[in-house]
């Protein structure tokens, strides 16, 4: 019984850590798309602000908030 509980707990924790590590890959995708972007200056500023906010939230441990900000930046970039 204890083995089953331990296994269930481990399987529920590992996917959470995998999602937490997706923030850096989203930031890298944004960074790669920025130089080739043809966005208006206001939109580019918004993307950079969202990118910075996402990095800050990631560093503070708020991965859901980080991914939300970063995905909004990706949407503006069209990626």
PDB file of N, CA and C in Angstrom:
ATOM      1  N   UNK A   1       0.823  -1.198   0.000  1.00  0.00           N
ATOM      2  CA  UNK A   1       0.000   0.000   0.000  1.00  0.00           C
ATOM      3  C   UNK A   1       0.868   1.262   0.000  1.00  0.00           C
ATOM      4  N   UNK A   2       1.879   1.276   0.848  1.00  0.00           N
ATOM      5  CA  UNK A   2       2.763   2.435   0.925  1.00  0.00           C
ATOM      6  C   UNK A   2       3.511   2.627  -0.392  1.00  0.00           C
ATOM      7  N   UNK A   3       3.893   1.518  -1.006  1.00  0.00           N
ATOM      8  CA  UNK A   3       4.594   1.591  -2.284  1.00  0.00           C
ATOM      9  C   UNK A   3       3.695   2.227  -3.353  1.00  0.00           C
ATOM     10  N   UNK A   4       2.424   1.861  -3.367  1.00  0.00           N
ATOM     11  CA  UNK A   4       1.481   2.414  -4.343  1.00  0.00           C
ATOM     12  C   UNK A   4       1.275   3.906  -4.119  1.00  0.00           C
ATOM     13  N   UNK A   5       1.186   4.314  -2.873  1.00  0.00           N
ATOM     14  CA  UNK A   5       1.015   5.743  -2.568  1.00  0.00           C
ATOM     15  C   UNK A   5       2.255   6.524  -2.984  1.00  0.00           C
ATOM     16  N   UNK A   6       3.430   5.973  -2.687  1.00  0.00           N
ATOM     17  CA  UNK A   6       4.678   6.633  -3.061  1.00  0.00           C
ATOM     18  C   UNK A   6       4.785   6.755  -4.579  1.00  0.00           C
ATOM     19  N   UNK A   7       4.443   5.706  -5.280  1.00  0.00           N
ATOM     20  CA  UNK A   7       4.492   5.728  -6.738  1.00  0.00           C
ATOM     21  C   UNK A   7       3.513   6.750  -7.309  1.00  0.00           C
ATOM     22  N   UNK A   8       2.312   6.784  -6.772  1.00  0.00           N
ATOM     23  CA  UNK A   8       1.314   7.751  -7.245  1.00  0.00           C
ATOM     24  C   UNK A   8       1.781   9.180  -7.001  1.00  0.00           C
ATOM     25  N   UNK A   9       2.372   9.423  -5.854  1.00  0.00           N
ATOM     26  CA  UNK A   9       2.884  10.760  -5.542  1.00  0.00           C
ATOM     27  C   UNK A   9       4.006  11.139  -6.505  1.00  0.00           C
ATOM     28  N   UNK A  10       4.934  10.220  -6.728  1.00  0.00           N
ATOM     29  CA  UNK A  10       6.060  10.496  -7.621  1.00  0.00           C
ATOM     30  C   UNK A  10       5.577  10.803  -9.034  1.00  0.00           C
ATOM     31  N   UNK A  11       4.606  10.044  -9.502  1.00  0.00           N
ATOM     32  CA  UNK A  11       4.093  10.267 -10.852  1.00  0.00           C
ATOM     33  C   UNK A  11       3.331  11.583 -10.972  1.00  0.00           C
ATOM     34  N   UNK A  12       2.794  12.070  -9.876  1.00  0.00           N
ATOM     35  CA  UNK A  12       2.088  13.350  -9.935  1.00  0.00           C
ATOM     36  C   UNK A  12       3.042  14.532  -9.825  1.00  0.00           C
ATOM     37  N   UNK A  13       4.193  14.344  -9.205  1.00  0.00           N
ATOM     38  CA  UNK A  13       5.156  15.432  -9.027  1.00  0.00           C
ATOM     39  C   UNK A  13       6.030  15.613 -10.261  1.00  0.00           C
ATOM     40  N   UNK A  14       6.457  14.545 -10.889  1.00  0.00           N
ATOM     41  CA  UNK A  14       7.370  14.657 -12.019  1.00  0.00           C
ATOM     42  C   UNK A  14       6.811  15.470 -13.184  1.00  0.00           C
ATOM     43  N   UNK A  15       5.554  15.309 -13.575  1.00  0.00           N
ATOM     44  CA  UNK A  15       5.034  16.162 -14.657  1.00  0.00           C
ATOM     45  C   UNK A  15       5.031  17.644 -14.285  1.00  0.00           C
ATOM     46  N   UNK A  16       4.812  17.963 -13.018  1.00  0.00           N
ATOM     47  CA  UNK A  16       4.810  19.364 -12.591  1.00  0.00           C
ATOM     48  C   UNK A  16       6.182  19.979 -12.785  1.00  0.00           C
ATOM     49  N   UNK A  17       7.236  19.221 -12.499  1.00  0.00           N
ATOM     50  CA  UNK A  17       8.576  19.765 -12.692  1.00  0.00           C
ATOM     51  C   UNK A  17       8.898  19.896 -14.175  1.00  0.00           C
ATOM     52  N   UNK A  18       8.349  19.038 -14.989  1.00  0.00           N
ATOM     53  CA  UNK A  18       8.581  19.153 -16.429  1.00  0.00           C
ATOM     54  C   UNK A  18       7.954  20.423 -16.978  1.00  0.00           C
ATOM     55  N   UNK A  19       6.746  20.757 -16.523  1.00  0.00           N
ATOM     56  CA  UNK A  19       6.100  21.979 -16.977  1.00  0.00           C
ATOM     57  C   UNK A  19       6.816  23.211 -16.460  1.00  0.00           C
ATOM     58  N   UNK A  20       7.373  23.134 -15.258  1.00  0.00           N
ATOM     59  CA  UNK A  20       8.078  24.275 -14.684  1.00  0.00           C
ATOM     60  C   UNK A  20       9.313  24.609 -15.502  1.00  0.00           C
ATOM     61  N   UNK A  21       9.869  23.627 -16.172  1.00  0.00           N
ATOM     62  CA  UNK A  21      11.067  23.855 -16.966  1.00  0.00           C
ATOM     63  C   UNK A  21      10.762  24.328 -18.376  1.00  0.00           C
ATOM     64  N   UNK A  22       9.500  24.516 -18.724  1.00  0.00           N
ATOM     65  CA  UNK A  22       9.187  24.968 -20.077  1.00  0.00           C
ATOM     66  C   UNK A  22       9.334  26.475 -20.219  1.00  0.00           C
ATOM     67  N   UNK A  23       9.366  27.199 -19.116  1.00  0.00           N
ATOM     68  CA  UNK A  23       9.514  28.659 -19.180  1.00  0.00           C
ATOM     69  C   UNK A  23      10.776  29.065 -19.944  1.00  0.00           C
ATOM     70  N   UNK A  24      11.950  28.485 -19.624  1.00  0.00           N
ATOM     71  CA  UNK A  24      13.152  28.882 -20.361  1.00  0.00           C
ATOM     72  C   UNK A  24      13.070  28.598 -21.860  1.00  0.00           C
ATOM     73  N   UNK A  25      12.407  27.514 -22.241  1.00  0.00           N
ATOM     74  CA  UNK A  25      12.302  27.221 -23.674  1.00  0.00           C
ATOM     75  C   UNK A  25      11.370  28.208 -24.370  1.00  0.00           C
ATOM     76  N   UNK A  26      10.333  28.664 -23.676  1.00  0.00           N
ATOM     77  CA  UNK A  26       9.447  29.678 -24.251  1.00  0.00           C
ATOM     78  C   UNK A  26      10.207  30.997 -24.395  1.00  0.00           C
ATOM     79  N   UNK A  27      11.002  31.347 -23.370  1.00  0.00           N
ATOM     80  CA  UNK A  27      11.806  32.576 -23.442  1.00  0.00           C
ATOM     81  C   UNK A  27      12.795  32.503 -24.600  1.00  0.00           C
ATOM     82  N   UNK A  28      13.404  31.341 -24.802  1.00  0.00           N
ATOM     83  CA  UNK A  28      14.353  31.173 -25.896  1.00  0.00           C
ATOM     84  C   UNK A  28      13.664  31.335 -27.251  1.00  0.00           C
ATOM     85  N   UNK A  29      12.447  30.822 -27.378  1.00  0.00           N
ATOM     86  CA  UNK A  29      11.701  30.965 -28.632  1.00  0.00           C
ATOM     87  C   UNK A  29      11.388  32.432 -28.911  1.00  0.00           C
ATOM     88  N   UNK A  30      11.024  33.166 -27.865  1.00  0.00           N
ATOM     89  CA  UNK A  30      10.743  34.599 -28.022  1.00  0.00           C
ATOM     90  C   UNK A  30      12.015  35.330 -28.428  1.00  0.00           C
ATOM     91  N   UNK A  31      13.118  35.026 -27.733  1.00  0.00           N
ATOM     92  CA  UNK A  31      14.395  35.676 -28.041  1.00  0.00           C
ATOM     93  C   UNK A  31      14.828  35.406 -29.480  1.00  0.00           C
ATOM     94  N   UNK A  32      14.576  34.201 -29.959  1.00  0.00           N
ATOM     95  CA  UNK A  32      14.952  33.853 -31.330  1.00  0.00           C
ATOM     96  C   UNK A  32      14.092  34.579 -32.357  1.00  0.00           C
ATOM     97  N   UNK A  33      12.835  34.842 -32.022  1.00  0.00           N
ATOM     98  CA  UNK A  33      11.916  35.478 -32.970  1.00  0.00           C
ATOM     99  C   UNK A  33      12.026  37.001 -32.979  1.00  0.00           C
ATOM    100  N   UNK A  34      12.535  37.596 -31.920  1.00  0.00           N
ATOM    101  CA  UNK A  34      12.581  39.060 -31.829  1.00  0.00           C
ATOM    102  C   UNK A  34      13.370  39.734 -32.956  1.00  0.00           C
ATOM    103  N   UNK A  35      14.574  39.281 -33.290  1.00  0.00           N
ATOM    104  CA  UNK A  35      15.340  40.000 -34.323  1.00  0.00           C
ATOM    105  C   UNK A  35      14.663  40.048 -35.695  1.00  0.00           C
ATOM    106  N   UNK A  36      13.919  39.015 -36.041  1.00  0.00           N
ATOM    107  CA  UNK A  36      13.287  38.957 -37.359  1.00  0.00           C
ATOM    108  C   UNK A  36      11.880  39.548 -37.365  1.00  0.00           C
ATOM    109  N   UNK A  37      11.425  40.003 -36.223  1.00  0.00           N
ATOM    110  CA  UNK A  37      10.052  40.494 -36.114  1.00  0.00           C
ATOM    111  C   UNK A  37       9.871  41.839 -36.809  1.00  0.00           C
ATOM    112  N   UNK A  38       8.693  42.014 -37.399  1.00  0.00           N
ATOM    113  CA  UNK A  38       8.361  43.279 -38.068  1.00  0.00           C
ATOM    114  C   UNK A  38       7.209  43.979 -37.356  1.00  0.00           C
ATOM    115  N   UNK A  39       7.121  43.780 -36.044  1.00  0.00           N
ATOM    116  CA  UNK A  39       6.051  44.396 -35.267  1.00  0.00           C
ATOM    117  C   UNK A  39       6.231  45.908 -35.182  1.00  0.00           C
ATOM    118  N   UNK A  40       5.122  46.589 -34.964  1.00  0.00           N
ATOM    119  CA  UNK A  40       5.179  48.023 -34.694  1.00  0.00           C
ATOM    120  C   UNK A  40       5.923  48.231 -33.377  1.00  0.00           C
ATOM    121  N   UNK A  41       6.460  49.420 -33.203  1.00  0.00           N
ATOM    122  CA  UNK A  41       7.275  49.702 -32.020  1.00  0.00           C
ATOM    123  C   UNK A  41       6.495  49.486 -30.720  1.00  0.00           C
ATOM    124  N   UNK A  42       5.227  49.884 -30.698  1.00  0.00           N
ATOM    125  CA  UNK A  42       4.411  49.708 -29.492  1.00  0.00           C
ATOM    126  C   UNK A  42       4.221  48.226 -29.168  1.00  0.00           C
ATOM    127  N   UNK A  43       3.976  47.424 -30.199  1.00  0.00           N
ATOM    128  CA  UNK A  43       3.809  45.986 -29.983  1.00  0.00           C
ATOM    129  C   UNK A  43       5.123  45.337 -29.549  1.00  0.00           C
ATOM    130  N   UNK A  44       6.229  45.790 -30.135  1.00  0.00           N
ATOM    131  CA  UNK A  44       7.538  45.254 -29.764  1.00  0.00           C
ATOM    132  C   UNK A  44       7.845  45.570 -28.302  1.00  0.00           C
ATOM    133  N   UNK A  45       7.488  46.770 -27.871  1.00  0.00           N
ATOM    134  CA  UNK A  45       7.682  47.150 -26.472  1.00  0.00           C
ATOM    135  C   UNK A  45       6.859  46.256 -25.562  1.00  0.00           C
ATOM    136  N   UNK A  46       5.625  45.986 -25.950  1.00  0.00           N
ATOM    137  CA  UNK A  46       4.741  45.117 -25.162  1.00  0.00           C
ATOM    138  C   UNK A  46       5.322  43.705 -25.075  1.00  0.00           C
ATOM    139  N   UNK A  47       5.845  43.191 -26.180  1.00  0.00           N
ATOM    140  CA  UNK A  47       6.444  41.855 -26.191  1.00  0.00           C
ATOM    141  C   UNK A  47       7.635  41.812 -25.234  1.00  0.00           C
ATOM    142  N   UNK A  48       8.475  42.830 -25.291  1.00  0.00           N
ATOM    143  CA  UNK A  48       9.654  42.862 -24.417  1.00  0.00           C
ATOM    144  C   UNK A  48       9.256  42.974 -22.949  1.00  0.00           C
ATOM    145  N   UNK A  49       8.203  43.735 -22.666  1.00  0.00           N
ATOM    146  CA  UNK A  49       7.714  43.841 -21.286  1.00  0.00           C
ATOM    147  C   UNK A  49       7.168  42.501 -20.799  1.00  0.00           C
ATOM    148  N   UNK A  50       6.401  41.826 -21.652  1.00  0.00           N
ATOM    149  CA  UNK A  50       5.861  40.518 -21.283  1.00  0.00           C
ATOM    150  C   UNK A  50       6.977  39.492 -21.103  1.00  0.00           C
ATOM    151  N   UNK A  51       7.990  39.567 -21.946  1.00  0.00           N
ATOM    152  CA  UNK A  51       9.147  38.659 -21.839  1.00  0.00           C
ATOM    153  C   UNK A  51       9.855  38.871 -20.502  1.00  0.00           C
ATOM    154  N   UNK A  52      10.079  40.134 -20.135  1.00  0.00           N
ATOM    155  CA  UNK A  52      10.739  40.449 -18.865  1.00  0.00           C
ATOM    156  C   UNK A  52       9.876  40.020 -17.676  1.00  0.00           C
ATOM    157  N   UNK A  53       8.576  40.256 -17.784  1.00  0.00           N
ATOM    158  CA  UNK A  53       7.653  39.860 -16.711  1.00  0.00           C
ATOM    159  C   UNK A  53       7.650  38.342 -16.552  1.00  0.00           C
ATOM    160  N   UNK A  54       7.653  37.633 -17.670  1.00  0.00           N
ATOM    161  CA  UNK A  54       7.683  36.172 -17.623  1.00  0.00           C
ATOM    162  C   UNK A  54       8.944  35.649 -16.964  1.00  0.00           C
ATOM    163  N   UNK A  55      10.068  36.271 -17.265  1.00  0.00           N
ATOM    164  CA  UNK A  55      11.328  35.852 -16.648  1.00  0.00           C
ATOM    165  C   UNK A  55      11.312  36.126 -15.146  1.00  0.00           C
ATOM    166  N   UNK A  56      10.778  37.280 -14.768  1.00  0.00           N
ATOM    167  CA  UNK A  56      10.694  37.642 -13.352  1.00  0.00           C
ATOM    168  C   UNK A  56       9.788  36.668 -12.596  1.00  0.00           C
ATOM    169  N   UNK A  57       8.635  36.360 -13.179  1.00  0.00           N
ATOM    170  CA  UNK A  57       7.711  35.425 -12.535  1.00  0.00           C
ATOM    171  C   UNK A  57       8.322  34.027 -12.430  1.00  0.00           C
ATOM    172  N   UNK A  58       9.042  33.615 -13.460  1.00  0.00           N
ATOM    173  CA  UNK A  58       9.709  32.311 -13.440  1.00  0.00           C
ATOM    174  C   UNK A  58      10.731  32.260 -12.305  1.00  0.00           C
ATOM    175  N   UNK A  59      11.511  33.331 -12.170  1.00  0.00           N
ATOM    176  CA  UNK A  59      12.536  33.381 -11.126  1.00  0.00           C
ATOM    177  C   UNK A  59      11.926  33.343  -9.727  1.00  0.00           C
ATOM    178  N   UNK A  60      10.731  33.909  -9.592  1.00  0.00           N
ATOM    179  CA  UNK A  60      10.082  33.923  -8.277  1.00  0.00           C
ATOM    180  C   UNK A  60       9.287  32.646  -8.004  1.00  0.00           C
ATOM    181  N   UNK A  61       9.218  31.747  -8.989  1.00  0.00           N
ATOM    182  CA  UNK A  61       8.546  30.469  -8.791  1.00  0.00           C
ATOM    183  C   UNK A  61       7.113  30.404  -9.287  1.00  0.00           C
ATOM    184  N   UNK A  62       6.608  31.489  -9.858  1.00  0.00           N
ATOM    185  CA  UNK A  62       5.233  31.504 -10.378  1.00  0.00           C
ATOM    186  C   UNK A  62       5.254  31.069 -11.842  1.00  0.00           C
ATOM    187  N   UNK A  63       5.333  29.761 -12.050  1.00  0.00           N
ATOM    188  CA  UNK A  63       5.479  29.251 -13.410  1.00  0.00           C
ATOM    189  C   UNK A  63       4.209  29.403 -14.236  1.00  0.00           C
ATOM    190  N   UNK A  64       3.060  29.313 -13.608  1.00  0.00           N
ATOM    191  CA  UNK A  64       1.805  29.499 -14.345  1.00  0.00           C
ATOM    192  C   UNK A  64       1.697  30.937 -14.839  1.00  0.00           C
ATOM    193  N   UNK A  65       2.010  31.890 -13.988  1.00  0.00           N
ATOM    194  CA  UNK A  65       1.989  33.299 -14.383  1.00  0.00           C
ATOM    195  C   UNK A  65       3.032  33.594 -15.436  1.00  0.00           C
ATOM    196  N   UNK A  66       4.198  32.974 -15.279  1.00  0.00           N
ATOM    197  CA  UNK A  66       5.273  33.150 -16.249  1.00  0.00           C
ATOM    198  C   UNK A  66       4.851  32.651 -17.623  1.00  0.00           C
ATOM    199  N   UNK A  67       4.288  31.458 -17.663  1.00  0.00           N
ATOM    200  CA  UNK A  67       3.862  30.901 -18.945  1.00  0.00           C
ATOM    201  C   UNK A  67       2.746  31.726 -19.570  1.00  0.00           C
ATOM    202  N   UNK A  68       1.858  32.271 -18.759  1.00  0.00           N
ATOM    203  CA  UNK A  68       0.780  33.106 -19.296  1.00  0.00           C
ATOM    204  C   UNK A  68       1.355  34.354 -19.959  1.00  0.00           C
ATOM    205  N   UNK A  69       2.285  35.019 -19.289  1.00  0.00           N
ATOM    206  CA  UNK A  69       2.896  36.228 -19.852  1.00  0.00           C
ATOM    207  C   UNK A  69       3.702  35.895 -21.102  1.00  0.00           C
ATOM    208  N   UNK A  70       4.478  34.820 -21.036  1.00  0.00           N
ATOM    209  CA  UNK A  70       5.311  34.441 -22.176  1.00  0.00           C
ATOM    210  C   UNK A  70       4.467  33.999 -23.369  1.00  0.00           C
ATOM    211  N   UNK A  71       3.385  33.285 -23.115  1.00  0.00           N
ATOM    212  CA  UNK A  71       2.519  32.862 -24.222  1.00  0.00           C
ATOM    213  C   UNK A  71       1.798  34.045 -24.855  1.00  0.00           C
ATOM    214  N   UNK A  72       1.487  35.062 -24.055  1.00  0.00           N
ATOM    215  CA  UNK A  72       0.897  36.278 -24.623  1.00  0.00           C
ATOM    216  C   UNK A  72       1.905  36.970 -25.544  1.00  0.00           C
ATOM    217  N   UNK A  73       3.164  36.992 -25.117  1.00  0.00           N
ATOM    218  CA  UNK A  73       4.215  37.573 -25.958  1.00  0.00           C
ATOM    219  C   UNK A  73       4.368  36.778 -27.254  1.00  0.00           C
ATOM    220  N   UNK A  74       4.310  35.452 -27.155  1.00  0.00           N
ATOM    221  CA  UNK A  74       4.397  34.619 -28.356  1.00  0.00           C
ATOM    222  C   UNK A  74       3.243  34.903 -29.305  1.00  0.00           C
ATOM    223  N   UNK A  75       2.057  35.101 -28.766  1.00  0.00           N
ATOM    224  CA  UNK A  75       0.894  35.399 -29.599  1.00  0.00           C
ATOM    225  C   UNK A  75       1.091  36.710 -30.347  1.00  0.00           C
ATOM    226  N   UNK A  76       1.591  37.719 -29.650  1.00  0.00           N
ATOM    227  CA  UNK A  76       1.847  39.004 -30.313  1.00  0.00           C
ATOM    228  C   UNK A  76       2.892  38.860 -31.417  1.00  0.00           C
ATOM    229  N   UNK A  77       3.880  37.994 -31.178  1.00  0.00           N
ATOM    230  CA  UNK A  77       4.924  37.765 -32.178  1.00  0.00           C
ATOM    231  C   UNK A  77       4.447  36.882 -33.329  1.00  0.00           C
ATOM    232  N   UNK A  78       3.352  36.186 -33.118  1.00  0.00           N
ATOM    233  CA  UNK A  78       2.840  35.298 -34.151  1.00  0.00           C
ATOM    234  C   UNK A  78       3.565  33.965 -34.205  1.00  0.00           C
ATOM    235  N   UNK A  79       4.099  33.539 -33.076  1.00  0.00           N
ATOM    236  CA  UNK A  79       4.792  32.235 -33.038  1.00  0.00           C
ATOM    237  C   UNK A  79       4.067  31.291 -32.105  1.00  0.00           C
TER     238      UNK A  79
END
